[in-house]
Amino acid sequence: LSIQHGDSGPAPRELPPAVGLLLSMALMNVLLYLCLDRLVTAPRSPTAHPGRCPPGHFSMGQAATCSPWLSCEQLRAEVRPLKRVGEGAVKTVFLSEWKERKVALSRLTRPEVRDDFLHGLRMLQALQSEHVVTLVGYCEDDDTILTEYHPLGSLGNLEATLNLAKYRSLNTWQHRLQLALGYVAILDFLHRSPLGTLVMCDSSDLPKTLSQYLLTANFSIVLNDLDALPLVNRSSGALVKCGHRELRGDFVAPEQLWPFGEDVPFQDDLMPAYDEKSDIWKIPDVSSFLLGHVEGSDMVRFHLFDIHKACKSQVPAERPTAQAVLDTYQKVLNLLRDTATSQTREML
């Protein structure tokens, strides 16, 4: 390469070969960058970015592409039920097979709870995210819903799962605190969902609460049961009540208990409504279960003592938001990880 000057200027000078080579390489890099940029930004078929797809689409497992939700015809022709794996008040769940993949087929249990069944479907459709089980397809005509199958099952199976030889290496305070963090992240997602502030109503005791969540193969948590997610609408002053029966026990929040004493029979229309802070009250109990009793779990509990005490405030408005609890959990996880790393370095 050479730089040319006008006739009246100095005599032409050639660039050293090394400089010419560098300029050529730089030009090639620019061209390569432009080509790659066009390749990356060119329109492509929908892909699953962090496991999520455009509305009306799904992906499962490690699949990189997104497919449309299965229709009634596809569900009838392509899905083969294998065995019943669960039954609740609203739906019966069957381990099933679709294109050599394991899926969960849910069927309406009885006609009188169809409204709850369809409410759960609407929530599944609207809330697809990393926090919610993947919707694969549905058929309202047949009252069926197809979702991703998670073989580890309900979160209530956590201790039994961690006792298996395959998963014993995960039975540490780090992994357990990560699960607790995932649980609070789901509550935060519900409280700030695209639909508004949703309350997790199927949570009258610890076993019932744990049954609403699934443990995934990579040891994260997804919300599986969305049949009872009433909406708090502060602008209109609309609060919620979890069901039409009296709730009892220490697990539920104080505002969920009948306030008029044993002498006054429970009447649903006299029961005061409440908001999402009833979910916050339950966080310490669920987290204590998730943390278990492994080495280091008491240290984690010590660091979470203040935020958990705030969660148990008798006055709902004084309890922290799920976002505040989540932030605290993350800080504690980072702090204890850093401390453990420093101690390990000192020992080496």
Protein backbone atom coordinates (compact mmCIF):
# COMPACT_ATOMS: atom_id res chain seq x y z
CA LEU A 1 0.00 0.00 0.00
CA SER A 2 1.16 3.58 -0.64
CA ILE A 3 -0.18 7.08 -0.04
CA GLN A 4 -0.41 9.18 -3.23
CA HIS A 5 0.13 12.95 -3.19
CA GLY A 6 -0.59 15.62 -5.85
CA ASP A 7 1.96 16.31 -8.66
CA SER A 8 3.14 19.46 -6.98
CA GLY A 9 3.84 17.75 -3.66
CA PRO A 10 6.83 15.78 -2.45
CA ALA A 11 7.88 12.53 -4.06
CA PRO A 12 5.65 9.55 -3.21
CA ARG A 13 6.66 7.50 -0.16
CA GLU A 14 5.91 3.83 0.31
CA LEU A 15 4.67 2.58 3.72
CA PRO A 16 6.79 -0.05 5.43
CA PRO A 17 5.47 -3.58 4.75
CA ALA A 18 4.67 -4.16 8.47
CA VAL A 19 2.42 -1.06 8.59
CA GLY A 20 0.66 -2.12 5.40
CA LEU A 21 0.02 -5.55 6.86
CA LEU A 22 -1.46 -4.05 10.05
CA LEU A 23 -3.75 -1.77 8.02
CA SER A 24 -4.94 -4.73 5.94
CA MET A 25 -5.70 -6.76 9.08
CA ALA A 26 -7.60 -3.84 10.62
CA LEU A 27 -9.68 -3.46 7.44
CA MET A 28 -10.47 -7.19 7.44
CA ASN A 29 -11.55 -7.03 11.11
CA VAL A 30 -13.91 -4.14 10.36
CA LEU A 31 -15.47 -6.05 7.45
CA LEU A 32 -15.77 -9.20 9.55
CA TYR A 33 -17.43 -7.24 12.39
CA LEU A 34 -19.95 -5.69 9.98
CA CYS A 35 -20.79 -9.11 8.52
CA LEU A 36 -21.25 -10.67 11.95
CA ASP A 37 -23.34 -7.73 13.11
CA ARG A 38 -25.69 -8.19 10.16
CA LEU A 39 -25.82 -11.92 10.82
CA VAL A 40 -26.70 -11.45 14.50
CA THR A 41 -29.35 -8.78 13.90
CA ALA A 42 -30.95 -10.50 10.92
CA PRO A 43 -34.53 -11.68 11.56
CA ARG A 44 -34.72 -15.25 12.81
CA SER A 45 -37.37 -17.66 14.02
CA PRO A 46 -38.29 -17.23 17.70
CA THR A 47 -35.64 -18.54 20.06
CA ALA A 48 -35.79 -19.25 23.75
CA HIS A 49 -33.73 -16.60 25.48
CA PRO A 50 -33.10 -17.68 29.12
CA GLY A 51 -35.81 -20.28 28.67
CA ARG A 52 -38.48 -17.78 27.70
CA CYS A 53 -40.46 -17.44 24.48
CA PRO A 54 -42.80 -14.91 22.82
CA PRO A 55 -46.46 -14.99 23.94
CA GLY A 56 -48.22 -18.15 22.78
CA HIS A 57 -44.96 -20.13 22.43
CA PHE A 58 -42.92 -22.49 24.61
CA SER A 59 -39.61 -24.29 24.84
CA MET A 60 -38.61 -27.13 27.14
CA GLY A 61 -35.30 -28.24 28.58
CA GLN A 62 -32.29 -27.29 26.49
CA ALA A 63 -34.32 -26.59 23.34
CA ALA A 64 -33.16 -23.37 21.69
CA THR A 65 -36.24 -22.81 19.54
CA CYS A 66 -39.77 -21.87 20.53
CA SER A 67 -42.90 -23.68 19.34
CA PRO A 68 -46.55 -22.53 19.42
CA TRP A 69 -48.68 -23.87 22.28
CA LEU A 70 -50.26 -27.20 21.31
CA SER A 71 -53.88 -27.09 20.14
CA CYS A 72 -56.81 -29.34 21.04
CA GLU A 73 -56.16 -31.47 17.97
CA GLN A 74 -52.48 -31.89 18.84
CA LEU A 75 -53.23 -32.73 22.46
CA ARG A 76 -55.73 -35.40 21.44
CA ALA A 77 -53.54 -36.93 18.76
CA GLU A 78 -49.99 -36.57 20.11
CA VAL A 79 -50.16 -36.77 23.93
CA ARG A 80 -50.25 -40.19 25.60
CA PRO A 81 -51.11 -40.37 29.34
CA LEU A 82 -48.93 -42.87 31.23
CA LYS A 83 -49.99 -42.77 34.89
CA ARG A 84 -51.69 -40.56 37.44
CA VAL A 85 -49.18 -38.71 39.60
CA GLY A 86 -51.36 -36.31 41.57
CA GLU A 87 -54.86 -35.16 42.34
CA GLY A 88 -56.19 -32.03 44.01
CA ALA A 89 -59.50 -30.30 44.47
CA VAL A 90 -59.37 -28.75 40.99
CA LYS A 91 -57.34 -31.04 38.73
CA THR A 92 -55.91 -34.52 38.30
CA VAL A 93 -52.37 -34.72 36.91
CA PHE A 94 -51.03 -37.49 34.68
CA LEU A 95 -47.43 -38.14 33.73
CA SER A 96 -47.70 -38.22 29.94
CA GLU A 97 -45.58 -38.47 26.81
CA TRP A 98 -45.39 -36.09 23.89
CA LYS A 99 -42.87 -36.74 21.10
CA GLU A 100 -40.76 -38.88 23.46
CA ARG A 101 -40.74 -36.13 26.07
CA LYS A 102 -42.27 -36.39 29.52
CA VAL A 103 -45.03 -33.82 30.14
CA ALA A 104 -47.73 -33.26 32.77
CA LEU A 105 -51.34 -33.46 31.59
CA SER A 106 -53.85 -31.84 33.96
CA ARG A 107 -57.55 -32.63 33.70
CA LEU A 108 -60.47 -30.96 35.43
CA THR A 109 -61.47 -32.99 38.49
CA ARG A 110 -65.16 -32.05 38.59
CA PRO A 111 -67.39 -29.56 36.74
CA GLU A 112 -68.25 -27.38 39.75
CA VAL A 113 -64.63 -26.14 40.04
CA ARG A 114 -64.24 -25.36 36.33
CA ASP A 115 -64.00 -21.61 37.03
CA ASP A 116 -60.95 -22.23 39.24
CA PHE A 117 -59.46 -24.50 36.57
CA LEU A 118 -59.88 -21.86 33.86
CA HIS A 119 -58.56 -19.15 36.20
CA GLY A 120 -55.41 -21.24 36.63
CA LEU A 121 -55.11 -21.55 32.87
CA ARG A 122 -55.48 -17.78 32.37
CA MET A 123 -52.78 -17.19 34.98
CA LEU A 124 -50.48 -19.71 33.28
CA GLN A 125 -50.96 -18.01 29.94
CA ALA A 126 -50.35 -14.50 31.28
CA LEU A 127 -47.50 -15.22 33.70
CA GLN A 128 -45.11 -17.35 31.64
CA SER A 129 -41.63 -16.58 32.97
CA GLU A 130 -38.67 -18.22 34.65
CA HIS A 131 -40.76 -18.29 37.85
CA VAL A 132 -43.71 -20.26 36.47
CA VAL A 133 -43.97 -23.81 35.08
CA THR A 134 -43.85 -23.88 31.26
CA LEU A 135 -47.22 -24.09 29.52
CA VAL A 136 -46.98 -26.50 26.57
CA GLY A 137 -50.59 -26.48 25.38
CA TYR A 138 -54.23 -26.50 26.47
CA CYS A 139 -57.73 -27.42 25.31
CA GLU A 140 -60.67 -25.66 26.93
CA ASP A 141 -63.13 -27.94 25.12
CA ASP A 142 -61.62 -30.95 26.91
CA ASP A 143 -60.66 -29.10 30.11
CA THR A 144 -57.01 -30.13 29.77
CA ILE A 145 -53.73 -28.29 30.33
CA LEU A 146 -50.28 -29.56 29.31
CA THR A 147 -47.18 -28.34 31.15
CA GLU A 148 -43.52 -29.28 31.45
CA TYR A 149 -42.92 -32.29 33.70
CA HIS A 150 -40.43 -32.01 36.57
CA PRO A 151 -39.57 -35.48 37.91
CA LEU A 152 -38.34 -34.24 41.30
CA GLY A 153 -41.91 -33.22 42.02
CA SER A 154 -43.23 -30.94 44.73
CA LEU A 155 -41.01 -28.74 46.89
CA GLY A 156 -42.34 -30.75 49.81
CA ASN A 157 -40.11 -33.62 48.62
CA LEU A 158 -36.95 -31.57 49.19
CA GLU A 159 -35.56 -33.51 52.16
CA ALA A 160 -36.20 -36.89 50.54
CA THR A 161 -34.55 -35.67 47.33
CA LEU A 162 -31.47 -34.34 49.11
CA ASN A 163 -31.10 -37.65 50.95
CA LEU A 164 -30.61 -39.45 47.64
CA ALA A 165 -26.96 -40.21 46.87
CA LYS A 166 -27.25 -38.38 43.54
CA TYR A 167 -28.11 -35.08 45.25
CA ARG A 168 -26.24 -35.19 48.55
CA SER A 169 -23.57 -32.83 47.23
CA LEU A 170 -26.29 -30.18 46.91
CA ASN A 171 -27.31 -30.48 50.58
CA THR A 172 -25.41 -27.35 51.64
CA TRP A 173 -26.46 -24.03 53.12
CA GLN A 174 -25.49 -22.33 49.85
CA HIS A 175 -27.88 -24.38 47.72
CA ARG A 176 -30.61 -24.24 50.35
CA LEU A 177 -30.36 -20.46 50.68
CA GLN A 178 -30.50 -20.23 46.89
CA LEU A 179 -33.80 -22.14 47.01
CA ALA A 180 -35.16 -19.76 49.64
CA LEU A 181 -34.08 -16.86 47.46
CA GLY A 182 -35.93 -18.43 44.52
CA TYR A 183 -39.08 -18.81 46.61
CA VAL A 184 -39.05 -15.14 47.63
CA ALA A 185 -38.31 -14.16 44.01
CA ILE A 186 -41.54 -15.89 42.97
CA LEU A 187 -43.53 -13.93 45.57
CA ASP A 188 -41.90 -10.72 44.36
CA PHE A 189 -42.86 -11.63 40.79
CA LEU A 190 -46.49 -12.26 41.83
CA HIS A 191 -46.68 -9.02 43.81
CA ARG A 192 -45.40 -7.05 40.81
CA SER A 193 -46.80 -9.19 38.02
CA PRO A 194 -47.90 -7.94 34.58
CA LEU A 195 -51.49 -8.38 35.80
CA GLY A 196 -51.02 -6.42 39.01
CA THR A 197 -50.52 -7.49 42.64
CA LEU A 198 -51.45 -11.17 43.02
CA VAL A 199 -51.77 -12.97 46.36
CA MET A 200 -50.69 -16.61 46.80
CA CYS A 201 -53.87 -17.93 48.40
CA ASP A 202 -53.23 -21.70 48.38
CA SER A 203 -51.01 -21.34 51.44
CA SER A 204 -53.06 -22.13 54.54
CA ASP A 205 -50.32 -24.36 56.02
CA LEU A 206 -46.73 -25.34 55.22
CA PRO A 207 -47.43 -28.62 53.35
CA LYS A 208 -50.12 -26.93 51.25
CA THR A 209 -47.77 -24.06 50.42
CA LEU A 210 -44.89 -26.35 49.43
CA SER A 211 -47.20 -28.37 47.18
CA GLN A 212 -47.75 -25.30 44.99
CA TYR A 213 -44.12 -25.30 43.83
CA LEU A 214 -41.99 -27.74 41.84
CA LEU A 215 -38.29 -28.50 42.21
CA THR A 216 -36.58 -28.49 38.81
CA ALA A 217 -33.70 -30.71 37.66
CA ASN A 218 -31.26 -27.80 38.04
CA PHE A 219 -32.47 -27.23 41.61
CA SER A 220 -34.50 -24.10 41.12
CA ILE A 221 -38.16 -23.52 42.03
CA VAL A 222 -41.12 -22.84 39.74
CA LEU A 223 -44.69 -22.05 40.69
CA ASN A 224 -46.93 -24.85 39.48
CA ASP A 225 -50.42 -24.21 40.87
CA LEU A 226 -52.01 -20.90 39.86
CA ASP A 227 -55.66 -21.70 40.59
CA ALA A 228 -55.93 -19.29 43.53
CA LEU A 229 -54.23 -15.98 42.73
CA PRO A 230 -56.69 -13.17 43.50
CA LEU A 231 -55.81 -9.61 42.52
CA VAL A 232 -55.28 -6.70 44.89
CA ASN A 233 -56.43 -3.46 43.26
CA ARG A 234 -55.38 -0.57 45.46
CA SER A 235 -56.69 2.09 43.07
CA SER A 236 -60.22 0.77 43.55
CA GLY A 237 -59.66 -0.31 47.15
CA ALA A 238 -60.23 -3.98 46.30
CA LEU A 239 -58.50 -6.38 48.70
CA VAL A 240 -58.70 -10.19 48.80
CA LYS A 241 -59.89 -13.08 50.93
CA CYS A 242 -58.36 -16.53 50.52
CA GLY A 243 -61.43 -18.71 50.19
CA HIS A 244 -64.77 -18.61 51.95
CA ARG A 245 -63.93 -20.72 55.00
CA GLU A 246 -62.36 -19.82 58.31
CA LEU A 247 -58.58 -20.12 58.42
CA ARG A 248 -56.82 -21.19 61.61
CA GLY A 249 -53.30 -21.71 62.93
CA ASP A 250 -50.04 -19.82 63.34
CA PHE A 251 -48.93 -20.28 59.72
CA VAL A 252 -51.50 -17.92 58.23
CA ALA A 253 -51.15 -14.19 58.85
CA PRO A 254 -53.04 -12.62 61.79
CA GLU A 255 -55.28 -10.63 59.41
CA GLN A 256 -56.41 -13.93 57.86
CA LEU A 257 -57.84 -15.14 61.18
CA TRP A 258 -61.45 -14.58 62.26
CA PRO A 259 -61.23 -11.38 64.35
CA PHE A 260 -64.44 -11.64 66.37
CA GLY A 261 -63.58 -14.46 68.75
CA GLU A 262 -64.95 -17.93 69.42
CA ASP A 263 -68.33 -16.62 70.58
CA VAL A 264 -69.21 -15.24 67.14
CA PRO A 265 -69.72 -17.89 64.43
CA PHE A 266 -67.67 -17.36 61.27
CA GLN A 267 -69.47 -15.50 58.49
CA ASP A 268 -67.68 -14.95 55.21
CA ASP A 269 -69.36 -11.61 54.51
CA LEU A 270 -68.14 -10.26 57.89
CA MET A 271 -64.56 -11.41 57.41
CA PRO A 272 -62.28 -8.42 56.62
CA ALA A 273 -60.22 -8.57 53.43
CA TYR A 274 -56.45 -8.15 53.28
CA ASP A 275 -53.55 -7.67 50.84
CA GLU A 276 -50.32 -9.33 49.69
CA LYS A 277 -48.60 -8.74 53.03
CA SER A 278 -50.25 -11.99 54.15
CA ASP A 279 -47.69 -13.73 51.89
CA ILE A 280 -44.82 -11.92 53.63
CA TRP A 281 -45.86 -13.29 57.04
CA LYS A 282 -45.25 -16.85 55.77
CA ILE A 283 -41.74 -16.29 54.35
CA PRO A 284 -39.80 -17.14 57.56
CA ASP A 285 -41.60 -20.48 57.98
CA VAL A 286 -41.10 -21.55 54.35
CA SER A 287 -37.47 -20.38 54.38
CA SER A 288 -36.78 -22.26 57.63
CA PHE A 289 -37.99 -25.46 55.96
CA LEU A 290 -35.85 -24.79 52.89
CA LEU A 291 -32.73 -24.03 54.97
CA GLY A 292 -33.10 -27.30 56.89
CA HIS A 293 -30.52 -28.32 59.48
CA VAL A 294 -27.23 -28.64 57.65
CA GLU A 295 -23.88 -27.19 58.62
CA GLY A 296 -24.07 -23.41 58.23
CA SER A 297 -27.88 -23.13 58.17
CA ASP A 298 -28.02 -21.67 61.68
CA MET A 299 -25.49 -19.03 60.61
CA VAL A 300 -27.80 -18.13 57.71
CA ARG A 301 -30.79 -17.91 60.08
CA PHE A 302 -28.80 -15.57 62.33
CA HIS A 303 -28.13 -13.19 59.43
CA LEU A 304 -31.79 -13.31 58.36
CA PHE A 305 -33.14 -12.79 61.89
CA ASP A 306 -33.95 -9.07 61.53
CA ILE A 307 -35.73 -9.32 58.17
CA HIS A 308 -37.68 -12.36 59.36
CA LYS A 309 -38.69 -10.53 62.53
CA ALA A 310 -40.00 -7.70 60.34
CA CYS A 311 -41.94 -10.24 58.24
CA LYS A 312 -43.73 -11.35 61.41
CA SER A 313 -44.96 -7.87 62.33
CA GLN A 314 -48.55 -8.01 63.58
CA VAL A 315 -49.30 -4.90 61.52
CA PRO A 316 -49.31 -5.84 57.80
CA ALA A 317 -48.22 -2.38 56.63
CA GLU A 318 -45.06 -2.67 58.77
CA ARG A 319 -43.90 -5.83 57.03
CA PRO A 320 -41.29 -5.42 54.26
CA THR A 321 -42.10 -5.93 50.60
CA ALA A 322 -41.06 -9.14 48.87
CA GLN A 323 -38.50 -7.05 46.96
CA ALA A 324 -36.93 -5.86 50.24
CA VAL A 325 -36.76 -9.44 51.55
CA LEU A 326 -35.25 -10.61 48.26
CA ASP A 327 -32.60 -7.88 48.41
CA THR A 328 -31.69 -8.89 51.97
CA TYR A 329 -31.45 -12.58 51.05
CA GLN A 330 -29.14 -11.71 48.16
CA LYS A 331 -26.91 -9.56 50.39
CA VAL A 332 -26.65 -12.34 52.98
CA LEU A 333 -25.83 -14.91 50.30
CA ASN A 334 -23.09 -12.66 48.86
CA LEU A 335 -21.69 -11.84 52.32
CA LEU A 336 -21.49 -15.44 53.48
CA ARG A 337 -20.04 -16.62 50.17
CA ASP A 338 -17.33 -13.96 50.36
CA THR A 339 -16.60 -14.89 53.98
CA ALA A 340 -16.34 -18.59 53.14
CA THR A 341 -14.04 -17.81 50.20
CA SER A 342 -11.75 -15.67 52.38
CA GLN A 343 -11.54 -18.37 55.05
CA THR A 344 -10.68 -20.98 52.41
CA ARG A 345 -7.87 -18.79 51.05
CA GLU A 346 -6.44 -18.31 54.55
CA MET A 347 -6.35 -22.06 55.06
CA LEU A 348 -4.41 -22.69 51.84
